[in-house]
Amino acid sequence: MSWGLQERPAIRPPARLKFDALRKQELLLLPERVVQLNETAGAILRLCDGRRTVGELTRELEAKYGQTGLQDDIAEFLTEAVEEGWVERWI
């Protein structure tokens, strides 16, 4: 399942993100479970608001981390996030 640059990923309700200041870690809060996210996963999911396109999300993350060529890695993460039920596709 590939992602087009114009698709708009969004966190799937009722999931929500929360930053745990004590652990300095992003958490994805889901019904009856909590997923501890690494920094990269948290950064990607923070941008999944249904307004930004995959292309915009990729550019923002490439600028943030001073890297290029992140599109494939981001798309792979988004595909896994859809399979887990964390993210949905908006066109």
PDB file of N, CA and C in Angstrom:
ATOM      1  N   MET A   1       0.858  -1.169   0.000  1.00  0.00           N
ATOM      2  CA  MET A   1       0.000   0.000   0.000  1.00  0.00           C
ATOM      3  C   MET A   1       0.904   1.232   0.000  1.00  0.00           C
ATOM      4  N   SER A   2       0.938   1.941  -1.092  1.00  0.00           N
ATOM      5  CA  SER A   2       1.787   3.125  -1.157  1.00  0.00           C
ATOM      6  C   SER A   2       0.960   4.371  -0.859  1.00  0.00           C
ATOM      7  N   TRP A   3       1.659   5.422  -0.549  1.00  0.00           N
ATOM      8  CA  TRP A   3       1.026   6.689  -0.211  1.00  0.00           C
ATOM      9  C   TRP A   3       1.319   7.704  -1.306  1.00  0.00           C
ATOM     10  N   GLY A   4       0.277   8.364  -1.794  1.00  0.00           N
ATOM     11  CA  GLY A   4       0.455   9.446  -2.741  1.00  0.00           C
ATOM     12  C   GLY A   4       0.826  10.723  -2.016  1.00  0.00           C
ATOM     13  N   LEU A   5       1.543  11.590  -2.683  1.00  0.00           N
ATOM     14  CA  LEU A   5       1.991  12.832  -2.054  1.00  0.00           C
ATOM     15  C   LEU A   5       0.846  13.749  -1.655  1.00  0.00           C
ATOM     16  N   GLN A   6      -0.327  13.578  -2.279  1.00  0.00           N
ATOM     17  CA  GLN A   6      -1.465  14.450  -1.972  1.00  0.00           C
ATOM     18  C   GLN A   6      -2.403  13.879  -0.906  1.00  0.00           C
ATOM     19  N   GLU A   7      -2.150  12.644  -0.469  1.00  0.00           N
ATOM     20  CA  GLU A   7      -2.995  12.067   0.577  1.00  0.00           C
ATOM     21  C   GLU A   7      -2.699  12.753   1.900  1.00  0.00           C
ATOM     22  N   ARG A   8      -3.721  12.791   2.747  1.00  0.00           N
ATOM     23  CA  ARG A   8      -3.627  13.497   4.019  1.00  0.00           C
ATOM     24  C   ARG A   8      -3.880  12.511   5.166  1.00  0.00           C
ATOM     25  N   PRO A   9      -2.807  12.030   5.798  1.00  0.00           N
ATOM     26  CA  PRO A   9      -2.994  11.101   6.912  1.00  0.00           C
ATOM     27  C   PRO A   9      -3.501  11.835   8.156  1.00  0.00           C
ATOM     28  N   ALA A  10      -4.322  11.145   8.912  1.00  0.00           N
ATOM     29  CA  ALA A  10      -4.857  11.701  10.159  1.00  0.00           C
ATOM     30  C   ALA A  10      -4.882  10.608  11.219  1.00  0.00           C
ATOM     31  N   ILE A  11      -4.619  11.004  12.448  1.00  0.00           N
ATOM     32  CA  ILE A  11      -4.735  10.049  13.549  1.00  0.00           C
ATOM     33  C   ILE A  11      -6.193   9.632  13.636  1.00  0.00           C
ATOM     34  N   ARG A  12      -6.398   8.349  13.754  1.00  0.00           N
ATOM     35  CA  ARG A  12      -7.749   7.790  13.732  1.00  0.00           C
ATOM     36  C   ARG A  12      -8.399   7.884  15.122  1.00  0.00           C
ATOM     37  N   PRO A  13      -9.528   8.576  15.198  1.00  0.00           N
ATOM     38  CA  PRO A  13     -10.212   8.665  16.491  1.00  0.00           C
ATOM     39  C   PRO A  13     -10.643   7.277  16.961  1.00  0.00           C
ATOM     40  N   PRO A  14     -10.625   7.043  18.232  1.00  0.00           N
ATOM     41  CA  PRO A  14     -10.440   7.973  19.342  1.00  0.00           C
ATOM     42  C   PRO A  14      -8.991   8.103  19.807  1.00  0.00           C
ATOM     43  N   ALA A  15      -8.030   7.613  19.029  1.00  0.00           N
ATOM     44  CA  ALA A  15      -6.618   7.725  19.410  1.00  0.00           C
ATOM     45  C   ALA A  15      -6.217   9.191  19.536  1.00  0.00           C
ATOM     46  N   ARG A  16      -5.270   9.444  20.438  1.00  0.00           N
ATOM     47  CA  ARG A  16      -4.737  10.794  20.560  1.00  0.00           C
ATOM     48  C   ARG A  16      -3.314  10.717  21.078  1.00  0.00           C
ATOM     49  N   LEU A  17      -2.552  11.755  20.776  1.00  0.00           N
ATOM     50  CA  LEU A  17      -1.165  11.825  21.215  1.00  0.00           C
ATOM     51  C   LEU A  17      -1.063  12.617  22.504  1.00  0.00           C
ATOM     52  N   LYS A  18      -0.126  12.213  23.318  1.00  0.00           N
ATOM     53  CA  LYS A  18       0.157  12.946  24.551  1.00  0.00           C
ATOM     54  C   LYS A  18       1.652  12.859  24.793  1.00  0.00           C
ATOM     55  N   PHE A  19       2.255  13.985  25.169  1.00  0.00           N
ATOM     56  CA  PHE A  19       3.676  13.977  25.509  1.00  0.00           C
ATOM     57  C   PHE A  19       3.802  13.747  27.002  1.00  0.00           C
ATOM     58  N   ASP A  20       4.531  12.702  27.385  1.00  0.00           N
ATOM     59  CA  ASP A  20       4.786  12.397  28.790  1.00  0.00           C
ATOM     60  C   ASP A  20       6.049  13.151  29.189  1.00  0.00           C
ATOM     61  N   ALA A  21       5.874  14.247  29.915  1.00  0.00           N
ATOM     62  CA  ALA A  21       7.002  15.102  30.290  1.00  0.00           C
ATOM     63  C   ALA A  21       7.977  14.382  31.212  1.00  0.00           C
ATOM     64  N   LEU A  22       7.478  13.516  32.059  1.00  0.00           N
ATOM     65  CA  LEU A  22       8.348  12.791  32.981  1.00  0.00           C
ATOM     66  C   LEU A  22       9.309  11.876  32.222  1.00  0.00           C
ATOM     67  N   ARG A  23       8.778  11.141  31.268  1.00  0.00           N
ATOM     68  CA  ARG A  23       9.606  10.226  30.471  1.00  0.00           C
ATOM     69  C   ARG A  23      10.208  10.882  29.239  1.00  0.00           C
ATOM     70  N   LYS A  24       9.745  12.103  28.947  1.00  0.00           N
ATOM     71  CA  LYS A  24      10.177  12.820  27.738  1.00  0.00           C
ATOM     72  C   LYS A  24       9.944  11.958  26.499  1.00  0.00           C
ATOM     73  N   GLN A  25       8.690  11.480  26.396  1.00  0.00           N
ATOM     74  CA  GLN A  25       8.341  10.549  25.325  1.00  0.00           C
ATOM     75  C   GLN A  25       6.902  10.784  24.874  1.00  0.00           C
ATOM     76  N   GLU A  26       6.690  10.628  23.563  1.00  0.00           N
ATOM     77  CA  GLU A  26       5.344  10.709  23.015  1.00  0.00           C
ATOM     78  C   GLU A  26       4.612   9.401  23.287  1.00  0.00           C
ATOM     79  N   LEU A  27       3.345   9.521  23.641  1.00  0.00           N
ATOM     80  CA  LEU A  27       2.495   8.364  23.854  1.00  0.00           C
ATOM     81  C   LEU A  27       1.296   8.453  22.935  1.00  0.00           C
ATOM     82  N   LEU A  28       0.903   7.339  22.378  1.00  0.00           N
ATOM     83  CA  LEU A  28      -0.319   7.256  21.593  1.00  0.00           C
ATOM     84  C   LEU A  28      -1.344   6.557  22.482  1.00  0.00           C
ATOM     85  N   LEU A  29      -2.372   7.310  22.850  1.00  0.00           N
ATOM     86  CA  LEU A  29      -3.396   6.787  23.741  1.00  0.00           C
ATOM     87  C   LEU A  29      -4.529   6.203  22.919  1.00  0.00           C
ATOM     88  N   LEU A  30      -4.786   4.926  23.133  1.00  0.00           N
ATOM     89  CA  LEU A  30      -5.824   4.194  22.417  1.00  0.00           C
ATOM     90  C   LEU A  30      -6.764   3.573  23.449  1.00  0.00           C
ATOM     91  N   PRO A  31      -7.948   3.188  23.025  1.00  0.00           N
ATOM     92  CA  PRO A  31      -8.822   2.502  23.974  1.00  0.00           C
ATOM     93  C   PRO A  31      -8.121   1.265  24.548  1.00  0.00           C
ATOM     94  N   GLU A  32      -7.978   1.245  25.844  1.00  0.00           N
ATOM     95  CA  GLU A  32      -7.450   0.110  26.581  1.00  0.00           C
ATOM     96  C   GLU A  32      -5.982  -0.213  26.349  1.00  0.00           C
ATOM     97  N   ARG A  33      -5.230   0.732  25.751  1.00  0.00           N
ATOM     98  CA  ARG A  33      -3.785   0.533  25.653  1.00  0.00           C
ATOM     99  C   ARG A  33      -3.079   1.852  25.363  1.00  0.00           C
ATOM    100  N   VAL A  34      -1.797   1.857  25.689  1.00  0.00           N
ATOM    101  CA  VAL A  34      -0.938   3.009  25.456  1.00  0.00           C
ATOM    102  C   VAL A  34       0.282   2.510  24.694  1.00  0.00           C
ATOM    103  N   VAL A  35       0.636   3.231  23.622  1.00  0.00           N
ATOM    104  CA  VAL A  35       1.801   2.862  22.827  1.00  0.00           C
ATOM    105  C   VAL A  35       2.877   3.908  23.069  1.00  0.00           C
ATOM    106  N   GLN A  36       4.051   3.470  23.529  1.00  0.00           N
ATOM    107  CA  GLN A  36       5.178   4.373  23.705  1.00  0.00           C
ATOM    108  C   GLN A  36       5.871   4.503  22.356  1.00  0.00           C
ATOM    109  N   LEU A  37       5.994   5.732  21.887  1.00  0.00           N
ATOM    110  CA  LEU A  37       6.552   5.991  20.567  1.00  0.00           C
ATOM    111  C   LEU A  37       7.991   6.479  20.668  1.00  0.00           C
ATOM    112  N   ASN A  38       8.800   6.109  19.684  1.00  0.00           N
ATOM    113  CA  ASN A  38      10.128   6.701  19.631  1.00  0.00           C
ATOM    114  C   ASN A  38       9.992   8.120  19.067  1.00  0.00           C
ATOM    115  N   GLU A  39      11.074   8.863  19.079  1.00  0.00           N
ATOM    116  CA  GLU A  39      11.035  10.269  18.663  1.00  0.00           C
ATOM    117  C   GLU A  39      10.539  10.430  17.231  1.00  0.00           C
ATOM    118  N   THR A  40      11.007   9.584  16.345  1.00  0.00           N
ATOM    119  CA  THR A  40      10.622   9.688  14.940  1.00  0.00           C
ATOM    120  C   THR A  40       9.141   9.406  14.735  1.00  0.00           C
ATOM    121  N   ALA A  41       8.640   8.338  15.333  1.00  0.00           N
ATOM    122  CA  ALA A  41       7.221   8.004  15.205  1.00  0.00           C
ATOM    123  C   ALA A  41       6.359   9.119  15.767  1.00  0.00           C
ATOM    124  N   GLY A  42       6.764   9.673  16.907  1.00  0.00           N
ATOM    125  CA  GLY A  42       6.029  10.786  17.492  1.00  0.00           C
ATOM    126  C   GLY A  42       6.017  12.008  16.590  1.00  0.00           C
ATOM    127  N   ALA A  43       7.166  12.296  15.967  1.00  0.00           N
ATOM    128  CA  ALA A  43       7.255  13.453  15.065  1.00  0.00           C
ATOM    129  C   ALA A  43       6.338  13.275  13.859  1.00  0.00           C
ATOM    130  N   ILE A  44       6.301  12.076  13.306  1.00  0.00           N
ATOM    131  CA  ILE A  44       5.428  11.813  12.157  1.00  0.00           C
ATOM    132  C   ILE A  44       3.963  11.945  12.567  1.00  0.00           C
ATOM    133  N   LEU A  45       3.582  11.275  13.645  1.00  0.00           N
ATOM    134  CA  LEU A  45       2.175  11.295  14.052  1.00  0.00           C
ATOM    135  C   LEU A  45       1.719  12.691  14.468  1.00  0.00           C
ATOM    136  N   ARG A  46       2.604  13.504  15.022  1.00  0.00           N
ATOM    137  CA  ARG A  46       2.238  14.881  15.380  1.00  0.00           C
ATOM    138  C   ARG A  46       1.785  15.671  14.151  1.00  0.00           C
ATOM    139  N   LEU A  47       2.305  15.326  12.994  1.00  0.00           N
ATOM    140  CA  LEU A  47       1.960  16.046  11.761  1.00  0.00           C
ATOM    141  C   LEU A  47       0.747  15.449  11.047  1.00  0.00           C
ATOM    142  N   CYS A  48       0.268  14.316  11.509  1.00  0.00           N
ATOM    143  CA  CYS A  48      -0.876  13.640  10.872  1.00  0.00           C
ATOM    144  C   CYS A  48      -2.180  14.249  11.387  1.00  0.00           C
ATOM    145  N   ASP A  49      -2.528  15.398  10.838  1.00  0.00           N
ATOM    146  CA  ASP A  49      -3.700  16.139  11.308  1.00  0.00           C
ATOM    147  C   ASP A  49      -4.843  16.162  10.294  1.00  0.00           C
ATOM    148  N   GLY A  50      -4.666  15.478   9.159  1.00  0.00           N
ATOM    149  CA  GLY A  50      -5.702  15.473   8.131  1.00  0.00           C
ATOM    150  C   GLY A  50      -5.670  16.703   7.240  1.00  0.00           C
ATOM    151  N   ARG A  51      -4.816  17.654   7.553  1.00  0.00           N
ATOM    152  CA  ARG A  51      -4.682  18.865   6.726  1.00  0.00           C
ATOM    153  C   ARG A  51      -3.411  18.830   5.890  1.00  0.00           C
ATOM    154  N   ARG A  52      -2.337  18.329   6.480  1.00  0.00           N
ATOM    155  CA  ARG A  52      -1.066  18.254   5.757  1.00  0.00           C
ATOM    156  C   ARG A  52      -1.070  17.040   4.823  1.00  0.00           C
ATOM    157  N   THR A  53      -0.508  17.238   3.643  1.00  0.00           N
ATOM    158  CA  THR A  53      -0.342  16.118   2.720  1.00  0.00           C
ATOM    159  C   THR A  53       0.925  15.342   3.093  1.00  0.00           C
ATOM    160  N   VAL A  54       1.054  14.170   2.539  1.00  0.00           N
ATOM    161  CA  VAL A  54       2.269  13.384   2.758  1.00  0.00           C
ATOM    162  C   VAL A  54       3.481  14.165   2.251  1.00  0.00           C
ATOM    163  N   GLY A  55       3.323  14.861   1.140  1.00  0.00           N
ATOM    164  CA  GLY A  55       4.420  15.680   0.616  1.00  0.00           C
ATOM    165  C   GLY A  55       4.827  16.778   1.589  1.00  0.00           C
ATOM    166  N   GLU A  56       3.853  17.468   2.169  1.00  0.00           N
ATOM    167  CA  GLU A  56       4.145  18.529   3.142  1.00  0.00           C
ATOM    168  C   GLU A  56       4.782  17.954   4.401  1.00  0.00           C
ATOM    169  N   LEU A  57       4.230  16.866   4.855  1.00  0.00           N
ATOM    170  CA  LEU A  57       4.748  16.189   6.041  1.00  0.00           C
ATOM    171  C   LEU A  57       6.210  15.786   5.822  1.00  0.00           C
ATOM    172  N   THR A  58       6.494  15.238   4.652  1.00  0.00           N
ATOM    173  CA  THR A  58       7.860  14.820   4.321  1.00  0.00           C
ATOM    174  C   THR A  58       8.804  16.017   4.316  1.00  0.00           C
ATOM    175  N   ARG A  59       8.401  17.112   3.671  1.00  0.00           N
ATOM    176  CA  ARG A  59       9.257  18.304   3.627  1.00  0.00           C
ATOM    177  C   ARG A  59       9.530  18.849   5.032  1.00  0.00           C
ATOM    178  N   GLU A  60       8.512  18.882   5.878  1.00  0.00           N
ATOM    179  CA  GLU A  60       8.700  19.382   7.242  1.00  0.00           C
ATOM    180  C   GLU A  60       9.685  18.511   8.024  1.00  0.00           C
ATOM    181  N   LEU A  61       9.547  17.199   7.898  1.00  0.00           N
ATOM    182  CA  LEU A  61      10.447  16.309   8.622  1.00  0.00           C
ATOM    183  C   LEU A  61      11.864  16.339   8.058  1.00  0.00           C
ATOM    184  N   GLU A  62      12.002  16.459   6.755  1.00  0.00           N
ATOM    185  CA  GLU A  62      13.336  16.571   6.168  1.00  0.00           C
ATOM    186  C   GLU A  62      14.027  17.842   6.645  1.00  0.00           C
ATOM    187  N   ALA A  63      13.275  18.931   6.743  1.00  0.00           N
ATOM    188  CA  ALA A  63      13.846  20.184   7.248  1.00  0.00           C
ATOM    189  C   ALA A  63      14.202  20.062   8.730  1.00  0.00           C
ATOM    190  N   LYS A  64      13.331  19.447   9.504  1.00  0.00           N
ATOM    191  CA  LYS A  64      13.557  19.296  10.951  1.00  0.00           C
ATOM    192  C   LYS A  64      14.815  18.488  11.239  1.00  0.00           C
ATOM    193  N   TYR A  65      15.008  17.403  10.490  1.00  0.00           N
ATOM    194  CA  TYR A  65      16.134  16.512  10.743  1.00  0.00           C
ATOM    195  C   TYR A  65      17.333  16.764   9.822  1.00  0.00           C
ATOM    196  N   GLY A  66      17.229  17.754   8.926  1.00  0.00           N
ATOM    197  CA  GLY A  66      18.344  18.082   8.046  1.00  0.00           C
ATOM    198  C   GLY A  66      18.725  16.939   7.123  1.00  0.00           C
ATOM    199  N   GLN A  67      17.721  16.207   6.642  1.00  0.00           N
ATOM    200  CA  GLN A  67      17.957  15.065   5.759  1.00  0.00           C
ATOM    201  C   GLN A  67      17.057  15.170   4.535  1.00  0.00           C
ATOM    202  N   THR A  68      17.396  14.414   3.526  1.00  0.00           N
ATOM    203  CA  THR A  68      16.538  14.296   2.348  1.00  0.00           C
ATOM    204  C   THR A  68      16.255  12.820   2.118  1.00  0.00           C
ATOM    205  N   GLY A  69      15.272  12.548   1.255  1.00  0.00           N
ATOM    206  CA  GLY A  69      14.973  11.165   0.901  1.00  0.00           C
ATOM    207  C   GLY A  69      14.225  10.381   1.966  1.00  0.00           C
ATOM    208  N   LEU A  70      13.443  11.073   2.796  1.00  0.00           N
ATOM    209  CA  LEU A  70      12.709  10.390   3.864  1.00  0.00           C
ATOM    210  C   LEU A  70      11.337   9.865   3.437  1.00  0.00           C
ATOM    211  N   GLN A  71      10.918  10.194   2.235  1.00  0.00           N
ATOM    212  CA  GLN A  71       9.558   9.860   1.804  1.00  0.00           C
ATOM    213  C   GLN A  71       9.243   8.370   1.927  1.00  0.00           C
ATOM    214  N   ASP A  72      10.140   7.497   1.501  1.00  0.00           N
ATOM    215  CA  ASP A  72       9.879   6.056   1.561  1.00  0.00           C
ATOM    216  C   ASP A  72       9.746   5.572   3.003  1.00  0.00           C
ATOM    217  N   ASP A  73      10.610   6.074   3.891  1.00  0.00           N
ATOM    218  CA  ASP A  73      10.541   5.671   5.298  1.00  0.00           C
ATOM    219  C   ASP A  73       9.249   6.154   5.940  1.00  0.00           C
ATOM    220  N   ILE A  74       8.847   7.370   5.620  1.00  0.00           N
ATOM    221  CA  ILE A  74       7.606   7.923   6.169  1.00  0.00           C
ATOM    222  C   ILE A  74       6.416   7.120   5.655  1.00  0.00           C
ATOM    223  N   ALA A  75       6.411   6.829   4.358  1.00  0.00           N
ATOM    224  CA  ALA A  75       5.317   6.044   3.776  1.00  0.00           C
ATOM    225  C   ALA A  75       5.237   4.655   4.407  1.00  0.00           C
ATOM    226  N   GLU A  76       6.384   4.044   4.656  1.00  0.00           N
ATOM    227  CA  GLU A  76       6.403   2.722   5.293  1.00  0.00           C
ATOM    228  C   GLU A  76       5.813   2.802   6.707  1.00  0.00           C
ATOM    229  N   PHE A  77       6.210   3.821   7.463  1.00  0.00           N
ATOM    230  CA  PHE A  77       5.659   3.987   8.811  1.00  0.00           C
ATOM    231  C   PHE A  77       4.149   4.214   8.744  1.00  0.00           C
ATOM    232  N   LEU A  78       3.693   5.072   7.830  1.00  0.00           N
ATOM    233  CA  LEU A  78       2.257   5.351   7.711  1.00  0.00           C
ATOM    234  C   LEU A  78       1.472   4.097   7.348  1.00  0.00           C
ATOM    235  N   THR A  79       2.030   3.270   6.485  1.00  0.00           N
ATOM    236  CA  THR A  79       1.375   2.015   6.118  1.00  0.00           C
ATOM    237  C   THR A  79       1.221   1.116   7.347  1.00  0.00           C
ATOM    238  N   GLU A  80       2.276   1.013   8.136  1.00  0.00           N
ATOM    239  CA  GLU A  80       2.205   0.217   9.362  1.00  0.00           C
ATOM    240  C   GLU A  80       1.202   0.822  10.349  1.00  0.00           C
ATOM    241  N   ALA A  81       1.165   2.150  10.426  1.00  0.00           N
ATOM    242  CA  ALA A  81       0.239   2.826  11.338  1.00  0.00           C
ATOM    243  C   ALA A  81      -1.214   2.586  10.926  1.00  0.00           C
ATOM    244  N   VAL A  82      -1.471   2.523   9.618  1.00  0.00           N
ATOM    245  CA  VAL A  82      -2.822   2.199   9.137  1.00  0.00           C
ATOM    246  C   VAL A  82      -3.177   0.770   9.543  1.00  0.00           C
ATOM    247  N   GLU A  83      -2.245  -0.154   9.346  1.00  0.00           N
ATOM    248  CA  GLU A  83      -2.484  -1.554   9.699  1.00  0.00           C
ATOM    249  C   GLU A  83      -2.756  -1.725  11.194  1.00  0.00           C
ATOM    250  N   GLU A  84      -2.112  -0.890  12.013  1.00  0.00           N
ATOM    251  CA  GLU A  84      -2.323  -0.942  13.470  1.00  0.00           C
ATOM    252  C   GLU A  84      -3.625  -0.242  13.885  1.00  0.00           C
ATOM    253  N   GLY A  85      -4.204   0.523  12.963  1.00  0.00           N
ATOM    254  CA  GLY A  85      -5.424   1.250  13.281  1.00  0.00           C
ATOM    255  C   GLY A  85      -5.179   2.609  13.914  1.00  0.00           C
ATOM    256  N   TRP A  86      -3.944   3.121  13.802  1.00  0.00           N
ATOM    257  CA  TRP A  86      -3.607   4.416  14.400  1.00  0.00           C
ATOM    258  C   TRP A  86      -3.906   5.576  13.477  1.00  0.00           C
ATOM    259  N   VAL A  87      -3.815   5.346  12.179  1.00  0.00           N
ATOM    260  CA  VAL A  87      -3.912   6.418  11.175  1.00  0.00           C
ATOM    261  C   VAL A  87      -4.938   6.013  10.122  1.00  0.00           C
ATOM    262  N   GLU A  88      -5.613   7.017   9.560  1.00  0.00           N
ATOM    263  CA  GLU A  88      -6.500   6.789   8.429  1.00  0.00           C
ATOM    264  C   GLU A  88      -6.098   7.725   7.301  1.00  0.00           C
ATOM    265  N   ARG A  89      -6.505   7.343   6.086  1.00  0.00           N
ATOM    266  CA  ARG A  89      -6.172   8.126   4.888  1.00  0.00           C
ATOM    267  C   ARG A  89      -7.291   9.108   4.579  1.00  0.00           C
ATOM    268  N   TRP A  90      -6.909  10.333   4.273  1.00  0.00           N
ATOM    269  CA  TRP A  90      -7.825  11.356   3.780  1.00  0.00           C
ATOM    270  C   TRP A  90      -7.289  11.812   2.434  1.00  0.00           C
ATOM    271  N   ILE A  91      -8.163  11.998   1.498  1.00  0.00           N
ATOM    272  CA  ILE A  91      -7.714  12.445   0.171  1.00  0.00           C
ATOM    273  C   ILE A  91      -8.212  13.856  -0.085  1.00  0.00           C
TER     274      ILE A  91
END
